[in-house]
Amino acid sequence: MLNPGPVDVTGITSSVEGEPGAHHLIVCPTGCMTRGKMHPCELYDQKLSELRTLTGALYRRVRENQERPEALAVLHSMINSSTNFLAGARNVTAQAPEGGMFTPVELDTLDRVIKETKVCWFLCENRDLELTLM
């Protein structure tokens, strides 16, 4: 279902993407208007269905854009927790006489994944830098 409230789509969509939806908004009321009253009609239902289909992807992107700061905060928290766990695991493994709970390969793999995730997180936070780095 469409969100009835105003949606700021600046930076999320282009004017080209908005054209088909705008066309349906203009065509529909003129086709369903009779003597100054709006009447349910097949054309209205058809145009509304087409409008929902055309704007569905736009609303999904808007919702994703609104939820992104929270998702990045959760990712940042998980990276910090994983980094702390890795430091503790390295200490326990180094102090244990029989080699500890984790092998060096496991610790190095976790370290590599954390570093790769930090790079991805940094690029998500700083999208404008992504073009210059790649």
C-alpha atoms as a PDB file:
ATOM      1  CA  MET A   1       0.000   0.000   0.000  1.00  0.00           C
ATOM      2  CA  LEU A   2       1.221   3.480  -0.803  1.00  0.00           C
ATOM      3  CA  ASN A   3       2.385   5.767   1.947  1.00  0.00           C
ATOM      4  CA  PRO A   4      -0.012   8.738   1.989  1.00  0.00           C
ATOM      5  CA  GLY A   5       2.465  11.112   3.643  1.00  0.00           C
ATOM      6  CA  PRO A   6       4.904  13.338   1.816  1.00  0.00           C
ATOM      7  CA  VAL A   7       8.101  11.634   0.811  1.00  0.00           C
ATOM      8  CA  ASP A   8      11.363  13.419   0.116  1.00  0.00           C
ATOM      9  CA  VAL A   9      12.902  11.621  -2.841  1.00  0.00           C
ATOM     10  CA  THR A  10      15.725  14.095  -3.426  1.00  0.00           C
ATOM     11  CA  GLY A  11      18.859  12.157  -4.231  1.00  0.00           C
ATOM     12  CA  ILE A  12      16.992   8.849  -4.408  1.00  0.00           C
ATOM     13  CA  THR A  13      15.300   9.177  -7.756  1.00  0.00           C
ATOM     14  CA  SER A  14      15.659  11.147 -10.949  1.00  0.00           C
ATOM     15  CA  SER A  15      13.046  13.203 -12.759  1.00  0.00           C
ATOM     16  CA  VAL A  16      13.008  10.540 -15.488  1.00  0.00           C
ATOM     17  CA  GLU A  17      11.886   7.904 -12.974  1.00  0.00           C
ATOM     18  CA  GLY A  18       9.072  10.145 -11.768  1.00  0.00           C
ATOM     19  CA  GLU A  19       7.638  10.843 -15.223  1.00  0.00           C
ATOM     20  CA  PRO A  20       5.512   7.665 -15.648  1.00  0.00           C
ATOM     21  CA  GLY A  21       3.912   8.106 -12.226  1.00  0.00           C
ATOM     22  CA  ALA A  22       3.208  11.784 -12.840  1.00  0.00           C
ATOM     23  CA  HIS A  23       1.507  10.897 -16.122  1.00  0.00           C
ATOM     24  CA  HIS A  24      -0.842   8.484 -14.313  1.00  0.00           C
ATOM     25  CA  LEU A  25      -1.688  11.108 -11.699  1.00  0.00           C
ATOM     26  CA  ILE A  26      -2.712  13.555 -14.426  1.00  0.00           C
ATOM     27  CA  VAL A  27      -4.627  11.071 -16.626  1.00  0.00           C
ATOM     28  CA  CYS A  28      -6.647   9.333 -13.929  1.00  0.00           C
ATOM     29  CA  PRO A  29      -8.715  12.166 -12.394  1.00  0.00           C
ATOM     30  CA  THR A  30      -9.770  13.516 -15.784  1.00  0.00           C
ATOM     31  CA  GLY A  31     -10.968  10.066 -16.824  1.00  0.00           C
ATOM     32  CA  CYS A  32     -13.034   9.437 -13.668  1.00  0.00           C
ATOM     33  CA  MET A  33     -14.507  12.890 -13.092  1.00  0.00           C
ATOM     34  CA  THR A  34     -18.225  13.214 -13.774  1.00  0.00           C
ATOM     35  CA  ARG A  35     -20.277  16.314 -12.864  1.00  0.00           C
ATOM     36  CA  GLY A  36     -17.693  17.445 -10.323  1.00  0.00           C
ATOM     37  CA  LYS A  37     -17.784  14.210  -8.317  1.00  0.00           C
ATOM     38  CA  MET A  38     -15.278  11.402  -8.233  1.00  0.00           C
ATOM     39  CA  HIS A  39     -16.880   8.048  -9.025  1.00  0.00           C
ATOM     40  CA  PRO A  40     -15.257   4.631  -8.669  1.00  0.00           C
ATOM     41  CA  CYS A  41     -14.565   3.277 -12.097  1.00  0.00           C
ATOM     42  CA  GLU A  42     -12.489   0.625 -13.767  1.00  0.00           C
ATOM     43  CA  LEU A  43     -10.157   3.202 -15.258  1.00  0.00           C
ATOM     44  CA  TYR A  44      -9.440   4.634 -11.809  1.00  0.00           C
ATOM     45  CA  ASP A  45      -8.707   1.182 -10.380  1.00  0.00           C
ATOM     46  CA  GLN A  46      -6.524   0.317 -13.355  1.00  0.00           C
ATOM     47  CA  LYS A  47      -4.562   3.575 -13.160  1.00  0.00           C
ATOM     48  CA  LEU A  48      -4.177   3.232  -9.381  1.00  0.00           C
ATOM     49  CA  SER A  49      -2.824  -0.288  -9.830  1.00  0.00           C
ATOM     50  CA  GLU A  50      -0.374   0.913 -12.484  1.00  0.00           C
ATOM     51  CA  LEU A  51       0.672   3.820 -10.273  1.00  0.00           C
ATOM     52  CA  ARG A  52       1.346   1.476  -7.353  1.00  0.00           C
ATOM     53  CA  THR A  53       3.380  -0.780  -9.629  1.00  0.00           C
ATOM     54  CA  LEU A  54       5.409   2.147 -10.969  1.00  0.00           C
ATOM     55  CA  THR A  55       6.063   3.726  -7.572  1.00  0.00           C
ATOM     56  CA  GLY A  56       6.651   0.508  -5.613  1.00  0.00           C
ATOM     57  CA  ALA A  57      10.385   0.465  -6.302  1.00  0.00           C
ATOM     58  CA  LEU A  58      10.650   4.146  -5.419  1.00  0.00           C
ATOM     59  CA  TYR A  59       8.945   3.637  -2.047  1.00  0.00           C
ATOM     60  CA  ARG A  60      11.192   0.653  -1.303  1.00  0.00           C
ATOM     61  CA  ARG A  61      14.274   2.776  -1.984  1.00  0.00           C
ATOM     62  CA  VAL A  62      12.938   5.609   0.183  1.00  0.00           C
ATOM     63  CA  ARG A  63      12.263   3.178   3.049  1.00  0.00           C
ATOM     64  CA  GLU A  64      15.735   1.652   2.629  1.00  0.00           C
ATOM     65  CA  ASN A  65      17.275   5.118   2.671  1.00  0.00           C
ATOM     66  CA  GLN A  66      15.372   6.010   5.860  1.00  0.00           C
ATOM     67  CA  GLU A  67      16.413   2.775   7.597  1.00  0.00           C
ATOM     68  CA  ARG A  68      20.065   2.952   6.528  1.00  0.00           C
ATOM     69  CA  PRO A  69      21.401   5.033   9.482  1.00  0.00           C
ATOM     70  CA  GLU A  70      20.036   2.514  11.990  1.00  0.00           C
ATOM     71  CA  ALA A  71      21.428  -0.428  10.025  1.00  0.00           C
ATOM     72  CA  LEU A  72      24.858   1.210   9.823  1.00  0.00           C
ATOM     73  CA  ALA A  73      24.800   1.903  13.577  1.00  0.00           C
ATOM     74  CA  VAL A  74      24.055  -1.780  14.229  1.00  0.00           C
ATOM     75  CA  LEU A  75      26.859  -2.787  11.861  1.00  0.00           C
ATOM     76  CA  HIS A  76      29.271  -0.430  13.646  1.00  0.00           C
ATOM     77  CA  SER A  77      28.297  -1.969  17.002  1.00  0.00           C
ATOM     78  CA  MET A  78      28.830  -5.488  15.640  1.00  0.00           C
ATOM     79  CA  ILE A  79      32.257  -4.536  14.276  1.00  0.00           C
ATOM     80  CA  ASN A  80      33.263  -3.160  17.681  1.00  0.00           C
ATOM     81  CA  SER A  81      32.021  -6.297  19.459  1.00  0.00           C
ATOM     82  CA  SER A  82      33.838  -8.545  16.998  1.00  0.00           C
ATOM     83  CA  THR A  83      37.043  -6.542  17.383  1.00  0.00           C
ATOM     84  CA  ASN A  84      36.847  -6.854  21.175  1.00  0.00           C
ATOM     85  CA  PHE A  85      36.149 -10.588  20.881  1.00  0.00           C
ATOM     86  CA  LEU A  86      39.123 -11.030  18.547  1.00  0.00           C
ATOM     87  CA  ALA A  87      41.452  -9.208  20.952  1.00  0.00           C
ATOM     88  CA  GLY A  88      40.256 -11.406  23.835  1.00  0.00           C
ATOM     89  CA  ALA A  89      40.571 -14.574  21.766  1.00  0.00           C
ATOM     90  CA  ARG A  90      44.136 -13.664  20.757  1.00  0.00           C
ATOM     91  CA  ASN A  91      45.059 -13.054  24.418  1.00  0.00           C
ATOM     92  CA  VAL A  92      43.530 -16.338  25.601  1.00  0.00           C
ATOM     93  CA  THR A  93      45.177 -18.257  22.763  1.00  0.00           C
ATOM     94  CA  ALA A  94      48.579 -16.661  23.395  1.00  0.00           C
ATOM     95  CA  GLN A  95      48.452 -17.382  27.144  1.00  0.00           C
ATOM     96  CA  ALA A  96      47.276 -20.987  26.887  1.00  0.00           C
ATOM     97  CA  PRO A  97      50.132 -23.513  27.071  1.00  0.00           C
ATOM     98  CA  GLU A  98      48.505 -26.012  24.692  1.00  0.00           C
ATOM     99  CA  GLY A  99      47.657 -23.488  21.973  1.00  0.00           C
ATOM    100  CA  GLY A 100      44.282 -22.224  23.167  1.00  0.00           C
ATOM    101  CA  MET A 101      40.775 -22.558  21.870  1.00  0.00           C
ATOM    102  CA  PHE A 102      41.377 -21.026  18.445  1.00  0.00           C
ATOM    103  CA  THR A 103      43.895 -21.785  15.732  1.00  0.00           C
ATOM    104  CA  PRO A 104      45.919 -18.978  14.152  1.00  0.00           C
ATOM    105  CA  VAL A 105      44.028 -19.566  10.887  1.00  0.00           C
ATOM    106  CA  GLU A 106      40.678 -18.971  12.616  1.00  0.00           C
ATOM    107  CA  LEU A 107      41.930 -15.803  14.281  1.00  0.00           C
ATOM    108  CA  ASP A 108      43.447 -14.490  11.053  1.00  0.00           C
ATOM    109  CA  THR A 109      40.240 -15.262   9.146  1.00  0.00           C
ATOM    110  CA  LEU A 110      38.139 -13.364  11.688  1.00  0.00           C
ATOM    111  CA  ASP A 111      40.601 -10.463  11.560  1.00  0.00           C
ATOM    112  CA  ARG A 112      40.404 -10.373   7.741  1.00  0.00           C
ATOM    113  CA  VAL A 113      36.585 -10.424   7.752  1.00  0.00           C
ATOM    114  CA  ILE A 114      36.458  -7.598  10.299  1.00  0.00           C
ATOM    115  CA  LYS A 115      38.841  -5.486   8.211  1.00  0.00           C
ATOM    116  CA  GLU A 116      36.862  -6.131   4.999  1.00  0.00           C
ATOM    117  CA  THR A 117      33.631  -5.212   6.759  1.00  0.00           C
ATOM    118  CA  LYS A 118      35.189  -1.996   8.076  1.00  0.00           C
ATOM    119  CA  VAL A 119      36.164  -1.024   4.531  1.00  0.00           C
ATOM    120  CA  CYS A 120      32.635  -1.720   3.246  1.00  0.00           C
ATOM    121  CA  TRP A 121      31.132   0.208   6.164  1.00  0.00           C
ATOM    122  CA  PHE A 122      33.468   3.141   5.526  1.00  0.00           C
ATOM    123  CA  LEU A 123      32.491   3.209   1.853  1.00  0.00           C
ATOM    124  CA  CYS A 124      28.783   3.127   2.743  1.00  0.00           C
ATOM    125  CA  GLU A 125      29.276   6.068   5.091  1.00  0.00           C
ATOM    126  CA  ASN A 126      31.337   7.978   2.523  1.00  0.00           C
ATOM    127  CA  ARG A 127      29.826   7.150  -0.853  1.00  0.00           C
ATOM    128  CA  ASP A 128      31.447  10.135  -2.527  1.00  0.00           C
ATOM    129  CA  LEU A 129      34.888   8.671  -1.765  1.00  0.00           C
ATOM    130  CA  GLU A 130      33.984   5.345  -3.362  1.00  0.00           C
ATOM    131  CA  LEU A 131      34.463   6.760  -6.848  1.00  0.00           C
ATOM    132  CA  THR A 132      37.948   8.075  -6.114  1.00  0.00           C
ATOM    133  CA  LEU A 133      39.106   4.896  -4.365  1.00  0.00           C
ATOM    134  CA  MET A 134      38.024   2.505  -7.083  1.00  0.00           C
END
